[in-house]
PDB file of N, CA and C in Angstrom:
ATOM      1  N   UNK A   1     -85.724  49.893 -14.995  1.00  0.00           N
ATOM      2  CA  UNK A   1     -87.115  50.305 -14.982  1.00  0.00           C
ATOM      3  C   UNK A   1     -87.295  51.362 -13.891  1.00  0.00           C
ATOM      4  N   UNK A   2     -87.893  52.453 -14.244  1.00  0.00           N
ATOM      5  CA  UNK A   2     -88.101  53.548 -13.297  1.00  0.00           C
ATOM      6  C   UNK A   2     -89.142  53.158 -12.258  1.00  0.00           C
ATOM      7  N   UNK A   3     -88.999  53.709 -11.064  1.00  0.00           N
ATOM      8  CA  UNK A   3     -89.921  53.384  -9.976  1.00  0.00           C
ATOM      9  C   UNK A   3     -91.359  53.701 -10.342  1.00  0.00           C
ATOM     10  N   UNK A   4     -91.604  54.833 -10.946  1.00  0.00           N
ATOM     11  CA  UNK A   4     -92.971  55.184 -11.317  1.00  0.00           C
ATOM     12  C   UNK A   4     -93.556  54.188 -12.302  1.00  0.00           C
ATOM     13  N   UNK A   5     -92.739  53.713 -13.233  1.00  0.00           N
ATOM     14  CA  UNK A   5     -93.200  52.725 -14.205  1.00  0.00           C
ATOM     15  C   UNK A   5     -93.524  51.406 -13.497  1.00  0.00           C
ATOM     16  N   UNK A   6     -92.696  51.029 -12.547  1.00  0.00           N
ATOM     17  CA  UNK A   6     -92.921  49.811 -11.777  1.00  0.00           C
ATOM     18  C   UNK A   6     -94.196  49.932 -10.946  1.00  0.00           C
ATOM     19  N   UNK A   7     -94.404  51.084 -10.341  1.00  0.00           N
ATOM     20  CA  UNK A   7     -95.625  51.317  -9.570  1.00  0.00           C
ATOM     21  C   UNK A   7     -96.861  51.218 -10.456  1.00  0.00           C
ATOM     22  N   UNK A   8     -96.781  51.777 -11.648  1.00  0.00           N
ATOM     23  CA  UNK A   8     -97.897  51.723 -12.581  1.00  0.00           C
ATOM     24  C   UNK A   8     -98.192  50.282 -12.982  1.00  0.00           C
ATOM     25  N   UNK A   9     -97.166  49.520 -13.269  1.00  0.00           N
ATOM     26  CA  UNK A   9     -97.351  48.109 -13.621  1.00  0.00           C
ATOM     27  C   UNK A   9     -97.967  47.328 -12.465  1.00  0.00           C
ATOM     28  N   UNK A  10     -97.544  47.630 -11.251  1.00  0.00           N
ATOM     29  CA  UNK A  10     -98.108  46.956 -10.080  1.00  0.00           C
ATOM     30  C   UNK A  10     -99.588  47.285  -9.929  1.00  0.00           C
ATOM     31  N   UNK A  11     -99.951  48.536 -10.145  1.00  0.00           N
ATOM     32  CA  UNK A  11    -101.363  48.932 -10.073  1.00  0.00           C
ATOM     33  C   UNK A  11    -102.187  48.225 -11.148  1.00  0.00           C
ATOM     34  N   UNK A  12    -101.620  48.109 -12.334  1.00  0.00           N
ATOM     35  CA  UNK A  12    -102.310  47.411 -13.423  1.00  0.00           C
ATOM     36  C   UNK A  12    -102.482  45.931 -13.090  1.00  0.00           C
ATOM     37  N   UNK A  13    -101.491  45.350 -12.460  1.00  0.00           N
ATOM     38  CA  UNK A  13    -101.585  43.954 -12.016  1.00  0.00           C
ATOM     39  C   UNK A  13    -102.718  43.789 -11.006  1.00  0.00           C
ATOM     40  N   UNK A  14    -102.779  44.693 -10.025  1.00  0.00           N
ATOM     41  CA  UNK A  14    -103.842  44.612  -9.014  1.00  0.00           C
ATOM     42  C   UNK A  14    -105.214  44.802  -9.643  1.00  0.00           C
ATOM     43  N   UNK A  15    -105.313  45.686 -10.626  1.00  0.00           N
ATOM     44  CA  UNK A  15    -106.576  45.872 -11.350  1.00  0.00           C
ATOM     45  C   UNK A  15    -106.973  44.584 -12.068  1.00  0.00           C
ATOM     46  N   UNK A  16    -105.996  43.933 -12.696  1.00  0.00           N
ATOM     47  CA  UNK A  16    -106.259  42.695 -13.430  1.00  0.00           C
ATOM     48  C   UNK A  16    -106.705  41.587 -12.477  1.00  0.00           C
ATOM     49  N   UNK A  17    -106.066  41.486 -11.318  1.00  0.00           N
ATOM     50  CA  UNK A  17    -106.452  40.477 -10.332  1.00  0.00           C
ATOM     51  C   UNK A  17    -107.894  40.710  -9.899  1.00  0.00           C
ATOM     52  N   UNK A  18    -108.251  41.951  -9.605  1.00  0.00           N
ATOM     53  CA  UNK A  18    -109.625  42.249  -9.197  1.00  0.00           C
ATOM     54  C   UNK A  18    -110.617  41.878 -10.297  1.00  0.00           C
ATOM     55  N   UNK A  19    -110.286  42.208 -11.537  1.00  0.00           N
ATOM     56  CA  UNK A  19    -111.164  41.864 -12.662  1.00  0.00           C
ATOM     57  C   UNK A  19    -111.297  40.344 -12.796  1.00  0.00           C
ATOM     58  N   UNK A  20    -110.207  39.633 -12.583  1.00  0.00           N
ATOM     59  CA  UNK A  20    -110.245  38.171 -12.660  1.00  0.00           C
ATOM     60  C   UNK A  20    -111.098  37.575 -11.549  1.00  0.00           C
ATOM     61  N   UNK A  21    -111.039  38.152 -10.360  1.00  0.00           N
ATOM     62  CA  UNK A  21    -111.875  37.672  -9.253  1.00  0.00           C
ATOM     63  C   UNK A  21    -113.343  37.869  -9.606  1.00  0.00           C
ATOM     64  N   UNK A  22    -113.688  39.042 -10.104  1.00  0.00           N
ATOM     65  CA  UNK A  22    -115.076  39.319 -10.478  1.00  0.00           C
ATOM     66  C   UNK A  22    -115.543  38.329 -11.544  1.00  0.00           C
ATOM     67  N   UNK A  23    -114.722  38.133 -12.565  1.00  0.00           N
ATOM     68  CA  UNK A  23    -115.069  37.227 -13.656  1.00  0.00           C
ATOM     69  C   UNK A  23    -115.272  35.800 -13.136  1.00  0.00           C
ATOM     70  N   UNK A  24    -114.355  35.325 -12.307  1.00  0.00           N
ATOM     71  CA  UNK A  24    -114.449  33.969 -11.759  1.00  0.00           C
ATOM     72  C   UNK A  24    -115.663  33.835 -10.846  1.00  0.00           C
ATOM     73  N   UNK A  25    -115.890  34.841 -10.013  1.00  0.00           N
ATOM     74  CA  UNK A  25    -117.032  34.800  -9.092  1.00  0.00           C
ATOM     75  C   UNK A  25    -118.336  34.693  -9.867  1.00  0.00           C
ATOM     76  N   UNK A  26    -118.477  35.535 -10.877  1.00  0.00           N
ATOM     77  CA  UNK A  26    -119.710  35.533 -11.673  1.00  0.00           C
ATOM     78  C   UNK A  26    -119.860  34.243 -12.477  1.00  0.00           C
ATOM     79  N   UNK A  27    -118.767  33.732 -13.022  1.00  0.00           N
ATOM     80  CA  UNK A  27    -118.855  32.511 -13.829  1.00  0.00           C
ATOM     81  C   UNK A  27    -119.244  31.302 -12.983  1.00  0.00           C
ATOM     82  N   UNK A  28    -118.921  31.356 -11.699  1.00  0.00           N
ATOM     83  CA  UNK A  28    -119.299  30.271 -10.788  1.00  0.00           C
ATOM     84  C   UNK A  28    -120.666  30.516 -10.142  1.00  0.00           C
ATOM     85  N   UNK A  29    -121.301  31.635 -10.495  1.00  0.00           N
ATOM     86  CA  UNK A  29    -122.645  31.913  -9.998  1.00  0.00           C
ATOM     87  C   UNK A  29    -122.718  32.416  -8.572  1.00  0.00           C
ATOM     88  N   UNK A  30    -121.627  33.000  -8.082  1.00  0.00           N
ATOM     89  CA  UNK A  30    -121.594  33.533  -6.723  1.00  0.00           C
ATOM     90  C   UNK A  30    -121.895  35.024  -6.739  1.00  0.00           C
ATOM     91  N   UNK A  31    -122.713  35.472  -5.814  1.00  0.00           N
ATOM     92  CA  UNK A  31    -122.881  36.908  -5.594  1.00  0.00           C
ATOM     93  C   UNK A  31    -121.738  37.380  -4.700  1.00  0.00           C
ATOM     94  N   UNK A  32    -121.582  38.688  -4.605  1.00  0.00           N
ATOM     95  CA  UNK A  32    -120.562  39.215  -3.685  1.00  0.00           C
ATOM     96  C   UNK A  32    -120.856  38.758  -2.269  1.00  0.00           C
ATOM     97  N   UNK A  33    -122.123  38.774  -1.885  1.00  0.00           N
ATOM     98  CA  UNK A  33    -122.494  38.377  -0.524  1.00  0.00           C
ATOM     99  C   UNK A  33    -122.171  36.909  -0.275  1.00  0.00           C
ATOM    100  N   UNK A  34    -122.481  36.044  -1.235  1.00  0.00           N
ATOM    101  CA  UNK A  34    -122.188  34.618  -1.053  1.00  0.00           C
ATOM    102  C   UNK A  34    -120.693  34.382  -0.880  1.00  0.00           C
ATOM    103  N   UNK A  35    -119.891  34.995  -1.732  1.00  0.00           N
ATOM    104  CA  UNK A  35    -118.445  34.801  -1.636  1.00  0.00           C
ATOM    105  C   UNK A  35    -117.904  35.407  -0.347  1.00  0.00           C
ATOM    106  N   UNK A  36    -118.362  36.594  -0.018  1.00  0.00           N
ATOM    107  CA  UNK A  36    -117.904  37.244   1.216  1.00  0.00           C
ATOM    108  C   UNK A  36    -118.225  36.387   2.435  1.00  0.00           C
ATOM    109  N   UNK A  37    -119.425  35.835   2.479  1.00  0.00           N
ATOM    110  CA  UNK A  37    -119.830  34.995   3.603  1.00  0.00           C
ATOM    111  C   UNK A  37    -118.957  33.747   3.691  1.00  0.00           C
ATOM    112  N   UNK A  38    -118.715  33.123   2.549  1.00  0.00           N
ATOM    113  CA  UNK A  38    -117.846  31.935   2.525  1.00  0.00           C
ATOM    114  C   UNK A  38    -116.430  32.261   2.996  1.00  0.00           C
ATOM    115  N   UNK A  39    -116.003  33.495   2.745  1.00  0.00           N
ATOM    116  CA  UNK A  39    -114.659  33.920   3.156  1.00  0.00           C
ATOM    117  C   UNK A  39    -114.603  34.318   4.620  1.00  0.00           C
ATOM    118  N   UNK A  40    -115.768  34.432   5.264  1.00  0.00           N
ATOM    119  CA  UNK A  40    -115.794  34.770   6.685  1.00  0.00           C
ATOM    120  C   UNK A  40    -116.173  36.204   6.981  1.00  0.00           C
ATOM    121  N   UNK A  41    -116.602  36.951   5.974  1.00  0.00           N
ATOM    122  CA  UNK A  41    -117.043  38.332   6.189  1.00  0.00           C
ATOM    123  C   UNK A  41    -118.551  38.354   6.420  1.00  0.00           C
ATOM    124  N   UNK A  42    -119.019  39.369   7.129  1.00  0.00           N
ATOM    125  CA  UNK A  42    -120.439  39.459   7.463  1.00  0.00           C
ATOM    126  C   UNK A  42    -121.267  40.180   6.409  1.00  0.00           C
ATOM    127  N   UNK A  43    -120.598  40.934   5.547  1.00  0.00           N
ATOM    128  CA  UNK A  43    -121.320  41.645   4.491  1.00  0.00           C
ATOM    129  C   UNK A  43    -120.493  41.642   3.222  1.00  0.00           C
ATOM    130  N   UNK A  44    -121.124  42.051   2.138  1.00  0.00           N
ATOM    131  CA  UNK A  44    -120.446  42.079   0.849  1.00  0.00           C
ATOM    132  C   UNK A  44    -119.710  43.385   0.610  1.00  0.00           C
ATOM    133  N   UNK A  45    -119.909  44.373   1.458  1.00  0.00           N
ATOM    134  CA  UNK A  45    -119.352  45.700   1.185  1.00  0.00           C
ATOM    135  C   UNK A  45    -117.827  45.699   1.119  1.00  0.00           C
ATOM    136  N   UNK A  46    -117.165  44.986   2.003  1.00  0.00           N
ATOM    137  CA  UNK A  46    -115.703  44.951   1.989  1.00  0.00           C
ATOM    138  C   UNK A  46    -115.203  44.316   0.694  1.00  0.00           C
ATOM    139  N   UNK A  47    -115.780  43.178   0.330  1.00  0.00           N
ATOM    140  CA  UNK A  47    -115.396  42.510  -0.903  1.00  0.00           C
ATOM    141  C   UNK A  47    -115.688  43.399  -2.111  1.00  0.00           C
ATOM    142  N   UNK A  48    -116.821  44.073  -2.098  1.00  0.00           N
ATOM    143  CA  UNK A  48    -117.182  44.963  -3.196  1.00  0.00           C
ATOM    144  C   UNK A  48    -116.190  46.098  -3.375  1.00  0.00           C
ATOM    145  N   UNK A  49    -115.738  46.660  -2.271  1.00  0.00           N
ATOM    146  CA  UNK A  49    -114.748  47.747  -2.352  1.00  0.00           C
ATOM    147  C   UNK A  49    -113.430  47.260  -2.927  1.00  0.00           C
ATOM    148  N   UNK A  50    -113.053  46.027  -2.575  1.00  0.00           N
ATOM    149  CA  UNK A  50    -111.807  45.488  -3.115  1.00  0.00           C
ATOM    150  C   UNK A  50    -111.973  45.209  -4.605  1.00  0.00           C
ATOM    151  N   UNK A  51    -113.112  44.659  -4.989  1.00  0.00           N
ATOM    152  CA  UNK A  51    -113.323  44.341  -6.399  1.00  0.00           C
ATOM    153  C   UNK A  51    -113.212  45.574  -7.288  1.00  0.00           C
ATOM    154  N   UNK A  52    -113.672  46.718  -6.806  1.00  0.00           N
ATOM    155  CA  UNK A  52    -113.581  47.940  -7.620  1.00  0.00           C
ATOM    156  C   UNK A  52    -112.322  48.744  -7.294  1.00  0.00           C
ATOM    157  N   UNK A  53    -111.505  48.214  -6.396  1.00  0.00           N
ATOM    158  CA  UNK A  53    -110.235  48.849  -6.001  1.00  0.00           C
ATOM    159  C   UNK A  53    -110.447  50.236  -5.416  1.00  0.00           C
ATOM    160  N   UNK A  54    -111.505  50.379  -4.664  1.00  0.00           N
ATOM    161  CA  UNK A  54    -111.813  51.640  -4.000  1.00  0.00           C
ATOM    162  C   UNK A  54    -110.674  52.039  -3.072  1.00  0.00           C
ATOM    163  N   UNK A  55    -110.245  53.279  -3.206  1.00  0.00           N
ATOM    164  CA  UNK A  55    -109.182  53.836  -2.359  1.00  0.00           C
ATOM    165  C   UNK A  55    -107.918  52.967  -2.366  1.00  0.00           C
ATOM    166  N   UNK A  56    -107.649  52.339  -3.509  1.00  0.00           N
ATOM    167  CA  UNK A  56    -106.430  51.549  -3.649  1.00  0.00           C
ATOM    168  C   UNK A  56    -106.446  50.193  -2.962  1.00  0.00           C
ATOM    169  N   UNK A  57    -107.605  49.778  -2.455  1.00  0.00           N
ATOM    170  CA  UNK A  57    -107.673  48.476  -1.794  1.00  0.00           C
ATOM    171  C   UNK A  57    -107.416  47.378  -2.811  1.00  0.00           C
ATOM    172  N   UNK A  58    -106.876  46.263  -2.341  1.00  0.00           N
ATOM    173  CA  UNK A  58    -106.592  45.135  -3.218  1.00  0.00           C
ATOM    174  C   UNK A  58    -106.638  43.844  -2.429  1.00  0.00           C
ATOM    175  N   UNK A  59    -106.727  42.741  -3.167  1.00  0.00           N
ATOM    176  CA  UNK A  59    -106.754  41.424  -2.535  1.00  0.00           C
ATOM    177  C   UNK A  59    -105.368  41.063  -2.024  1.00  0.00           C
ATOM    178  N   UNK A  60    -105.348  40.358  -0.904  1.00  0.00           N
ATOM    179  CA  UNK A  60    -104.111  39.855  -0.315  1.00  0.00           C
ATOM    180  C   UNK A  60    -103.997  38.366  -0.621  1.00  0.00           C
ATOM    181  N   UNK A  61    -102.848  37.808  -0.426  1.00  0.00           N
ATOM    182  CA  UNK A  61    -102.615  36.409  -0.777  1.00  0.00           C
ATOM    183  C   UNK A  61    -103.577  35.450  -0.082  1.00  0.00           C
ATOM    184  N   UNK A  62    -103.830  35.629   1.186  1.00  0.00           N
ATOM    185  CA  UNK A  62    -104.730  34.726   1.901  1.00  0.00           C
ATOM    186  C   UNK A  62    -106.142  34.843   1.331  1.00  0.00           C
ATOM    187  N   UNK A  63    -106.560  36.054   0.989  1.00  0.00           N
ATOM    188  CA  UNK A  63    -107.880  36.231   0.384  1.00  0.00           C
ATOM    189  C   UNK A  63    -107.946  35.519  -0.965  1.00  0.00           C
ATOM    190  N   UNK A  64    -106.898  35.639  -1.776  1.00  0.00           N
ATOM    191  CA  UNK A  64    -106.880  34.962  -3.068  1.00  0.00           C
ATOM    192  C   UNK A  64    -106.884  33.451  -2.894  1.00  0.00           C
ATOM    193  N   UNK A  65    -106.182  32.967  -1.896  1.00  0.00           N
ATOM    194  CA  UNK A  65    -106.174  31.535  -1.597  1.00  0.00           C
ATOM    195  C   UNK A  65    -107.592  31.066  -1.273  1.00  0.00           C
ATOM    196  N   UNK A  66    -108.273  31.792  -0.393  1.00  0.00           N
ATOM    197  CA  UNK A  66    -109.640  31.422  -0.009  1.00  0.00           C
ATOM    198  C   UNK A  66    -110.579  31.473  -1.207  1.00  0.00           C
ATOM    199  N   UNK A  67    -110.468  32.521  -2.011  1.00  0.00           N
ATOM    200  CA  UNK A  67    -111.331  32.660  -3.187  1.00  0.00           C
ATOM    201  C   UNK A  67    -111.126  31.489  -4.132  1.00  0.00           C
ATOM    202  N   UNK A  68    -109.872  31.139  -4.396  1.00  0.00           N
ATOM    203  CA  UNK A  68    -109.575  30.014  -5.287  1.00  0.00           C
ATOM    204  C   UNK A  68    -110.169  28.717  -4.748  1.00  0.00           C
ATOM    205  N   UNK A  69    -110.028  28.485  -3.462  1.00  0.00           N
ATOM    206  CA  UNK A  69    -110.573  27.263  -2.860  1.00  0.00           C
ATOM    207  C   UNK A  69    -112.095  27.253  -2.929  1.00  0.00           C
ATOM    208  N   UNK A  70    -112.727  28.359  -2.577  1.00  0.00           N
ATOM    209  CA  UNK A  70    -114.188  28.445  -2.572  1.00  0.00           C
ATOM    210  C   UNK A  70    -114.745  28.265  -3.986  1.00  0.00           C
ATOM    211  N   UNK A  71    -114.116  28.893  -4.959  1.00  0.00           N
ATOM    212  CA  UNK A  71    -114.604  28.827  -6.334  1.00  0.00           C
ATOM    213  C   UNK A  71    -114.081  27.593  -7.082  1.00  0.00           C
ATOM    214  N   UNK A  72    -113.237  26.805  -6.421  1.00  0.00           N
ATOM    215  CA  UNK A  72    -112.660  25.592  -6.996  1.00  0.00           C
ATOM    216  C   UNK A  72    -111.923  25.893  -8.296  1.00  0.00           C
ATOM    217  N   UNK A  73    -111.016  26.864  -8.201  1.00  0.00           N
ATOM    218  CA  UNK A  73    -110.160  27.234  -9.335  1.00  0.00           C
ATOM    219  C   UNK A  73    -108.730  27.383  -8.815  1.00  0.00           C
ATOM    220  N   UNK A  74    -107.802  27.529  -9.728  1.00  0.00           N
ATOM    221  CA  UNK A  74    -106.410  27.719  -9.313  1.00  0.00           C
ATOM    222  C   UNK A  74    -106.153  29.204  -9.043  1.00  0.00           C
ATOM    223  N   UNK A  75    -105.213  29.466  -8.195  1.00  0.00           N
ATOM    224  CA  UNK A  75    -104.819  30.849  -7.918  1.00  0.00           C
ATOM    225  C   UNK A  75    -104.277  31.479  -9.197  1.00  0.00           C
ATOM    226  N   UNK A  76    -103.647  30.667 -10.021  1.00  0.00           N
ATOM    227  CA  UNK A  76    -103.105  31.185 -11.280  1.00  0.00           C
ATOM    228  C   UNK A  76    -104.188  31.858 -12.129  1.00  0.00           C
ATOM    229  N   UNK A  77    -105.412  31.320 -12.088  1.00  0.00           N
ATOM    230  CA  UNK A  77    -106.503  31.921 -12.845  1.00  0.00           C
ATOM    231  C   UNK A  77    -106.814  33.333 -12.349  1.00  0.00           C
ATOM    232  N   UNK A  78    -106.544  33.591 -11.098  1.00  0.00           N
ATOM    233  CA  UNK A  78    -106.839  34.899 -10.514  1.00  0.00           C
ATOM    234  C   UNK A  78    -105.724  35.907 -10.771  1.00  0.00           C
ATOM    235  N   UNK A  79    -104.493  35.431 -10.878  1.00  0.00           N
ATOM    236  CA  UNK A  79    -103.380  36.367 -10.999  1.00  0.00           C
ATOM    237  C   UNK A  79    -102.805  36.466 -12.408  1.00  0.00           C
ATOM    238  N   UNK A  80    -103.273  35.652 -13.303  1.00  0.00           N
ATOM    239  CA  UNK A  80    -102.732  35.658 -14.664  1.00  0.00           C
ATOM    240  C   UNK A  80    -103.409  36.685 -15.550  1.00  0.00           C
TER     241      UNK A  80
END
């Protein structure tokens, strides 16, 4: 597999994870601000930028762990 193809697949994976976080957050009735606050952030702007993958930002494992715990779902639901 060529490096560029692998990079593209990785970007698509990160896009899918962000979409899954948004879907899970909304299905559990959380606003960006509510989830961000539960995660320890003071505003929703950082979480919002990650959700839309602004400037290539993406969720990290600890963030996904916290999101799964807060939303009472499995991490697999976020990364699948």
